[in-house]
Amino acid sequence: MSRRLRGAGISPGLAIGRAVVMTQAPRPGMNDDSAGRGAAAECSSAPGDVAHEIERFERGVRRASAQLEEVRIDAERRLGSNEAAIFAAQLLMAQDPSLAESVVERIRSGLVTAECACIEASEEHAAMLAAIGDPYLAARASDIREVGNCIVRCMRGDSRAGADEAGADTCEMPTGSIII
């Protein structure tokens, strides 16, 4: 069976192969729902784990930032600065002090794991952007969710923020990307 796919190519040429559509990875410690953003389940952390959870989050941000910077440099080299701008913006989102404050506050006050705190905070920030009503800013809401996912994968210790079964680097590929 043959099917034509349309989109923006990231490299020149023709590709023939099995297509894989990137989907959002299940969110850790969350009950699964269709969007992967269900109610918290097993997100709790012990009071003595607060410093450890904060350090895990900070380490995840450092890893995600390093990876996004690598991707930005590669995209700029291969595609130009306009196309690389999205990764520069995602790098800024990963390093956003407001996001970090939200995550740390959730860890301290709610005694939750770093993953759950990051998911909740990135979702809250994304929802605020989406609620503004501007189509451009609404599109950036999905970028914030992607950055949150990237940080979570890095917190888990994935060497490249979680290569999927097709070998694609999911920190680089937005949800909904089609990879061949």
C-alpha atoms as a PDB file:
ATOM      1  CA  MET A   1       0.000   0.000   0.000  1.00  0.00           C
ATOM      2  CA  SER A   2       1.340   3.392  -0.977  1.00  0.00           C
ATOM      3  CA  ARG A   3       0.475   6.719   0.620  1.00  0.00           C
ATOM      4  CA  ARG A   4       1.739  10.208  -0.173  1.00  0.00           C
ATOM      5  CA  LEU A   5       2.859  12.309   2.791  1.00  0.00           C
ATOM      6  CA  ARG A   6       3.389  16.061   2.662  1.00  0.00           C
ATOM      7  CA  GLY A   7       5.492  18.192   4.922  1.00  0.00           C
ATOM      8  CA  ALA A   8       8.747  20.043   5.270  1.00  0.00           C
ATOM      9  CA  GLY A   9      11.783  17.950   4.530  1.00  0.00           C
ATOM     10  CA  ILE A  10      14.790  18.308   6.772  1.00  0.00           C
ATOM     11  CA  SER A  11      17.216  16.863   4.265  1.00  0.00           C
ATOM     12  CA  PRO A  12      17.244  16.804   0.471  1.00  0.00           C
ATOM     13  CA  GLY A  13      16.483  13.730  -1.584  1.00  0.00           C
ATOM     14  CA  LEU A  14      13.998  10.928  -1.859  1.00  0.00           C
ATOM     15  CA  ALA A  15      13.151   8.526   0.936  1.00  0.00           C
ATOM     16  CA  ILE A  16      11.606   5.119   0.624  1.00  0.00           C
ATOM     17  CA  GLY A  17      10.904   3.188   3.762  1.00  0.00           C
ATOM     18  CA  ARG A  18       8.635   2.617   6.678  1.00  0.00           C
ATOM     19  CA  ALA A  19       7.135   5.862   7.975  1.00  0.00           C
ATOM     20  CA  VAL A  20       6.979   6.406  11.710  1.00  0.00           C
ATOM     21  CA  VAL A  21       4.804   9.160  13.174  1.00  0.00           C
ATOM     22  CA  MET A  22       6.229  10.598  16.377  1.00  0.00           C
ATOM     23  CA  THR A  23       3.794  10.577  19.265  1.00  0.00           C
ATOM     24  CA  GLN A  24       4.126  11.860  22.756  1.00  0.00           C
ATOM     25  CA  ALA A  25       5.787   9.385  25.081  1.00  0.00           C
ATOM     26  CA  PRO A  26       3.715   8.265  28.066  1.00  0.00           C
ATOM     27  CA  ARG A  27       4.273  10.707  30.868  1.00  0.00           C
ATOM     28  CA  PRO A  28       5.899   9.155  33.916  1.00  0.00           C
ATOM     29  CA  GLY A  29       3.803   8.801  37.011  1.00  0.00           C
ATOM     30  CA  MET A  30       0.651   9.856  35.232  1.00  0.00           C
ATOM     31  CA  ASN A  31      -2.466   7.857  34.465  1.00  0.00           C
ATOM     32  CA  ASP A  32      -2.596   7.483  30.704  1.00  0.00           C
ATOM     33  CA  ASP A  33      -5.263   9.317  28.753  1.00  0.00           C
ATOM     34  CA  SER A  34      -5.510  10.172  25.079  1.00  0.00           C
ATOM     35  CA  ALA A  35      -3.277  13.215  25.458  1.00  0.00           C
ATOM     36  CA  GLY A  36      -0.870  11.648  27.940  1.00  0.00           C
ATOM     37  CA  ARG A  37      -1.719  14.281  30.526  1.00  0.00           C
ATOM     38  CA  GLY A  38      -3.917  12.421  32.999  1.00  0.00           C
ATOM     39  CA  ALA A  39      -4.276  12.686  36.733  1.00  0.00           C
ATOM     40  CA  ALA A  40      -1.241  12.145  38.914  1.00  0.00           C
ATOM     41  CA  ALA A  41      -0.567   8.595  40.014  1.00  0.00           C
ATOM     42  CA  GLU A  42       2.454   7.512  42.014  1.00  0.00           C
ATOM     43  CA  CYS A  43       4.069  10.944  41.712  1.00  0.00           C
ATOM     44  CA  SER A  44       4.763  11.338  45.384  1.00  0.00           C
ATOM     45  CA  SER A  45       8.237  11.833  46.756  1.00  0.00           C
ATOM     46  CA  ALA A  46       9.430  11.543  50.351  1.00  0.00           C
ATOM     47  CA  PRO A  47      10.347  14.740  52.241  1.00  0.00           C
ATOM     48  CA  GLY A  48      13.988  13.619  52.362  1.00  0.00           C
ATOM     49  CA  ASP A  49      14.092  13.345  48.572  1.00  0.00           C
ATOM     50  CA  VAL A  50      13.412  17.024  47.816  1.00  0.00           C
ATOM     51  CA  ALA A  51      17.064  18.032  47.264  1.00  0.00           C
ATOM     52  CA  HIS A  52      17.663  14.915  45.171  1.00  0.00           C
ATOM     53  CA  GLU A  53      14.582  15.594  42.999  1.00  0.00           C
ATOM     54  CA  ILE A  54      15.615  19.221  42.464  1.00  0.00           C
ATOM     55  CA  GLU A  55      19.110  18.096  41.438  1.00  0.00           C
ATOM     56  CA  ARG A  56      17.600  15.552  39.016  1.00  0.00           C
ATOM     57  CA  PHE A  57      15.524  18.307  37.425  1.00  0.00           C
ATOM     58  CA  GLU A  58      18.518  20.655  37.147  1.00  0.00           C
ATOM     59  CA  ARG A  59      20.622  17.870  35.614  1.00  0.00           C
ATOM     60  CA  GLY A  60      17.800  17.146  33.144  1.00  0.00           C
ATOM     61  CA  VAL A  61      17.674  20.816  32.137  1.00  0.00           C
ATOM     62  CA  ARG A  62      21.453  20.875  31.602  1.00  0.00           C
ATOM     63  CA  ARG A  63      21.323  17.737  29.444  1.00  0.00           C
ATOM     64  CA  ALA A  64      18.310  18.917  27.449  1.00  0.00           C
ATOM     65  CA  SER A  65      19.934  22.324  26.930  1.00  0.00           C
ATOM     66  CA  ALA A  66      23.155  20.764  25.673  1.00  0.00           C
ATOM     67  CA  GLN A  67      21.236  18.536  23.274  1.00  0.00           C
ATOM     68  CA  LEU A  68      19.048  21.351  21.988  1.00  0.00           C
ATOM     69  CA  GLU A  69      22.155  23.477  21.419  1.00  0.00           C
ATOM     70  CA  GLU A  70      23.729  20.643  19.406  1.00  0.00           C
ATOM     71  CA  VAL A  71      20.561  20.357  17.343  1.00  0.00           C
ATOM     72  CA  ARG A  72      20.432  24.125  16.824  1.00  0.00           C
ATOM     73  CA  ILE A  73      24.025  24.234  15.600  1.00  0.00           C
ATOM     74  CA  ASP A  74      23.467  21.294  13.257  1.00  0.00           C
ATOM     75  CA  ALA A  75      20.213  22.757  11.901  1.00  0.00           C
ATOM     76  CA  GLU A  76      21.868  26.120  11.336  1.00  0.00           C
ATOM     77  CA  ARG A  77      24.763  24.488   9.508  1.00  0.00           C
ATOM     78  CA  ARG A  78      22.523  22.320   7.324  1.00  0.00           C
ATOM     79  CA  LEU A  79      19.396  24.437   6.907  1.00  0.00           C
ATOM     80  CA  GLY A  80      20.211  28.017   7.829  1.00  0.00           C
ATOM     81  CA  SER A  81      19.478  30.328  10.726  1.00  0.00           C
ATOM     82  CA  ASN A  82      15.751  30.747  10.019  1.00  0.00           C
ATOM     83  CA  GLU A  83      15.099  27.016  10.321  1.00  0.00           C
ATOM     84  CA  ALA A  84      17.378  26.717  13.357  1.00  0.00           C
ATOM     85  CA  ALA A  85      15.481  29.445  15.198  1.00  0.00           C
ATOM     86  CA  ILE A  86      12.895  26.989  16.581  1.00  0.00           C
ATOM     87  CA  PHE A  87      15.647  25.097  18.398  1.00  0.00           C
ATOM     88  CA  ALA A  88      17.095  28.341  19.749  1.00  0.00           C
ATOM     89  CA  ALA A  89      13.620  29.175  21.076  1.00  0.00           C
ATOM     90  CA  GLN A  90      13.267  25.699  22.605  1.00  0.00           C
ATOM     91  CA  LEU A  91      16.657  26.123  24.265  1.00  0.00           C
ATOM     92  CA  LEU A  92      15.432  29.364  25.850  1.00  0.00           C
ATOM     93  CA  MET A  93      12.263  27.589  26.989  1.00  0.00           C
ATOM     94  CA  ALA A  94      14.298  24.798  28.616  1.00  0.00           C
ATOM     95  CA  GLN A  95      16.324  27.412  30.510  1.00  0.00           C
ATOM     96  CA  ASP A  96      13.358  29.614  31.431  1.00  0.00           C
ATOM     97  CA  PRO A  97      13.714  30.662  35.096  1.00  0.00           C
ATOM     98  CA  SER A  98       9.924  30.801  35.433  1.00  0.00           C
ATOM     99  CA  LEU A  99       9.592  27.148  34.411  1.00  0.00           C
ATOM    100  CA  ALA A 100      12.403  26.154  36.777  1.00  0.00           C
ATOM    101  CA  GLU A 101      10.792  28.049  39.659  1.00  0.00           C
ATOM    102  CA  SER A 102       7.462  26.341  38.998  1.00  0.00           C
ATOM    103  CA  VAL A 103       9.073  22.915  38.963  1.00  0.00           C
ATOM    104  CA  VAL A 104      11.106  23.493  42.132  1.00  0.00           C
ATOM    105  CA  GLU A 105       8.085  24.923  43.953  1.00  0.00           C
ATOM    106  CA  ARG A 106       6.031  21.864  43.020  1.00  0.00           C
ATOM    107  CA  ILE A 107       8.763  19.539  44.262  1.00  0.00           C
ATOM    108  CA  ARG A 108       9.087  21.414  47.563  1.00  0.00           C
ATOM    109  CA  SER A 109       5.432  22.029  48.330  1.00  0.00           C
ATOM    110  CA  GLY A 110       3.825  18.989  46.786  1.00  0.00           C
ATOM    111  CA  LEU A 111       6.557  16.472  47.512  1.00  0.00           C
ATOM    112  CA  VAL A 112       6.349  15.127  43.964  1.00  0.00           C
ATOM    113  CA  THR A 113       8.980  13.630  41.718  1.00  0.00           C
ATOM    114  CA  ALA A 114      10.953  15.867  39.381  1.00  0.00           C
ATOM    115  CA  GLU A 115       9.284  14.249  36.353  1.00  0.00           C
ATOM    116  CA  CYS A 116       5.766  14.945  37.590  1.00  0.00           C
ATOM    117  CA  ALA A 117       6.664  18.478  38.648  1.00  0.00           C
ATOM    118  CA  CYS A 118       8.173  19.178  35.213  1.00  0.00           C
ATOM    119  CA  ILE A 119       5.149  17.750  33.415  1.00  0.00           C
ATOM    120  CA  GLU A 120       2.715  19.760  35.531  1.00  0.00           C
ATOM    121  CA  ALA A 121       4.706  22.994  35.206  1.00  0.00           C
ATOM    122  CA  SER A 122       5.256  22.690  31.452  1.00  0.00           C
ATOM    123  CA  GLU A 123       1.571  21.901  30.964  1.00  0.00           C
ATOM    124  CA  GLU A 124       0.571  24.929  33.048  1.00  0.00           C
ATOM    125  CA  HIS A 125       2.896  27.218  31.057  1.00  0.00           C
ATOM    126  CA  ALA A 126       1.602  25.766  27.781  1.00  0.00           C
ATOM    127  CA  ALA A 127      -2.021  26.259  28.851  1.00  0.00           C
ATOM    128  CA  MET A 128      -1.338  29.918  29.691  1.00  0.00           C
ATOM    129  CA  LEU A 129       0.063  30.518  26.200  1.00  0.00           C
ATOM    130  CA  ALA A 130      -2.747  28.642  24.494  1.00  0.00           C
ATOM    131  CA  ALA A 131      -5.333  30.677  26.423  1.00  0.00           C
ATOM    132  CA  ILE A 132      -4.061  33.985  25.031  1.00  0.00           C
ATOM    133  CA  GLY A 133      -5.898  33.332  21.789  1.00  0.00           C
ATOM    134  CA  ASP A 134      -3.054  34.214  19.429  1.00  0.00           C
ATOM    135  CA  PRO A 135      -2.449  31.401  16.882  1.00  0.00           C
ATOM    136  CA  TYR A 136       1.326  31.914  16.932  1.00  0.00           C
ATOM    137  CA  LEU A 137       1.488  31.725  20.723  1.00  0.00           C
ATOM    138  CA  ALA A 138      -0.857  28.740  20.750  1.00  0.00           C
ATOM    139  CA  ALA A 139       1.629  26.949  18.495  1.00  0.00           C
ATOM    140  CA  ARG A 140       4.404  27.759  20.982  1.00  0.00           C
ATOM    141  CA  ALA A 141       2.372  25.940  23.651  1.00  0.00           C
ATOM    142  CA  SER A 142       3.195  22.661  21.923  1.00  0.00           C
ATOM    143  CA  ASP A 143       6.868  23.676  21.922  1.00  0.00           C
ATOM    144  CA  ILE A 144       6.731  24.090  25.706  1.00  0.00           C
ATOM    145  CA  ARG A 145       5.219  20.613  26.048  1.00  0.00           C
ATOM    146  CA  GLU A 146       7.949  19.190  23.797  1.00  0.00           C
ATOM    147  CA  VAL A 147      10.637  20.875  25.894  1.00  0.00           C
ATOM    148  CA  GLY A 148       9.059  19.454  29.060  1.00  0.00           C
ATOM    149  CA  ASN A 149       9.082  15.979  27.494  1.00  0.00           C
ATOM    150  CA  CYS A 150      12.717  16.423  26.479  1.00  0.00           C
ATOM    151  CA  ILE A 151      13.717  17.432  30.017  1.00  0.00           C
ATOM    152  CA  VAL A 152      11.850  14.446  31.464  1.00  0.00           C
ATOM    153  CA  ARG A 153      13.631  12.038  29.106  1.00  0.00           C
ATOM    154  CA  CYS A 154      16.943  13.595  30.099  1.00  0.00           C
ATOM    155  CA  MET A 155      16.059  13.213  33.800  1.00  0.00           C
ATOM    156  CA  ARG A 156      15.505   9.530  33.161  1.00  0.00           C
ATOM    157  CA  GLY A 157      19.114   9.367  32.038  1.00  0.00           C
ATOM    158  CA  ASP A 158      18.446   8.581  28.401  1.00  0.00           C
ATOM    159  CA  SER A 159      21.716   9.143  26.563  1.00  0.00           C
ATOM    160  CA  ARG A 160      20.079  11.249  23.826  1.00  0.00           C
ATOM    161  CA  ALA A 161      16.791  12.186  25.463  1.00  0.00           C
ATOM    162  CA  GLY A 162      15.173   9.001  24.240  1.00  0.00           C
ATOM    163  CA  ALA A 163      15.732   7.572  20.814  1.00  0.00           C
ATOM    164  CA  ASP A 164      12.533   5.922  19.635  1.00  0.00           C
ATOM    165  CA  GLU A 165      12.200   2.562  17.895  1.00  0.00           C
ATOM    166  CA  ALA A 166      13.095   4.147  14.551  1.00  0.00           C
ATOM    167  CA  GLY A 167      16.314   5.491  16.053  1.00  0.00           C
ATOM    168  CA  ALA A 168      15.110   9.080  15.791  1.00  0.00           C
ATOM    169  CA  ASP A 169      16.095  11.505  18.467  1.00  0.00           C
ATOM    170  CA  THR A 170      12.794  12.499  20.042  1.00  0.00           C
ATOM    171  CA  CYS A 171      14.279  15.570  21.696  1.00  0.00           C
ATOM    172  CA  GLU A 172      14.773  16.931  18.198  1.00  0.00           C
ATOM    173  CA  MET A 173      11.520  15.859  16.601  1.00  0.00           C
ATOM    174  CA  PRO A 174       8.246  17.557  17.488  1.00  0.00           C
ATOM    175  CA  THR A 175       5.224  15.358  18.183  1.00  0.00           C
ATOM    176  CA  GLY A 176       3.448  14.593  14.925  1.00  0.00           C
ATOM    177  CA  SER A 177       6.675  14.481  12.894  1.00  0.00           C
ATOM    178  CA  ILE A 178       6.808  11.804  10.245  1.00  0.00           C
ATOM    179  CA  ILE A 179      10.131  10.033   9.995  1.00  0.00           C
ATOM    180  CA  ILE A 180      11.125   7.761   7.134  1.00  0.00           C
END
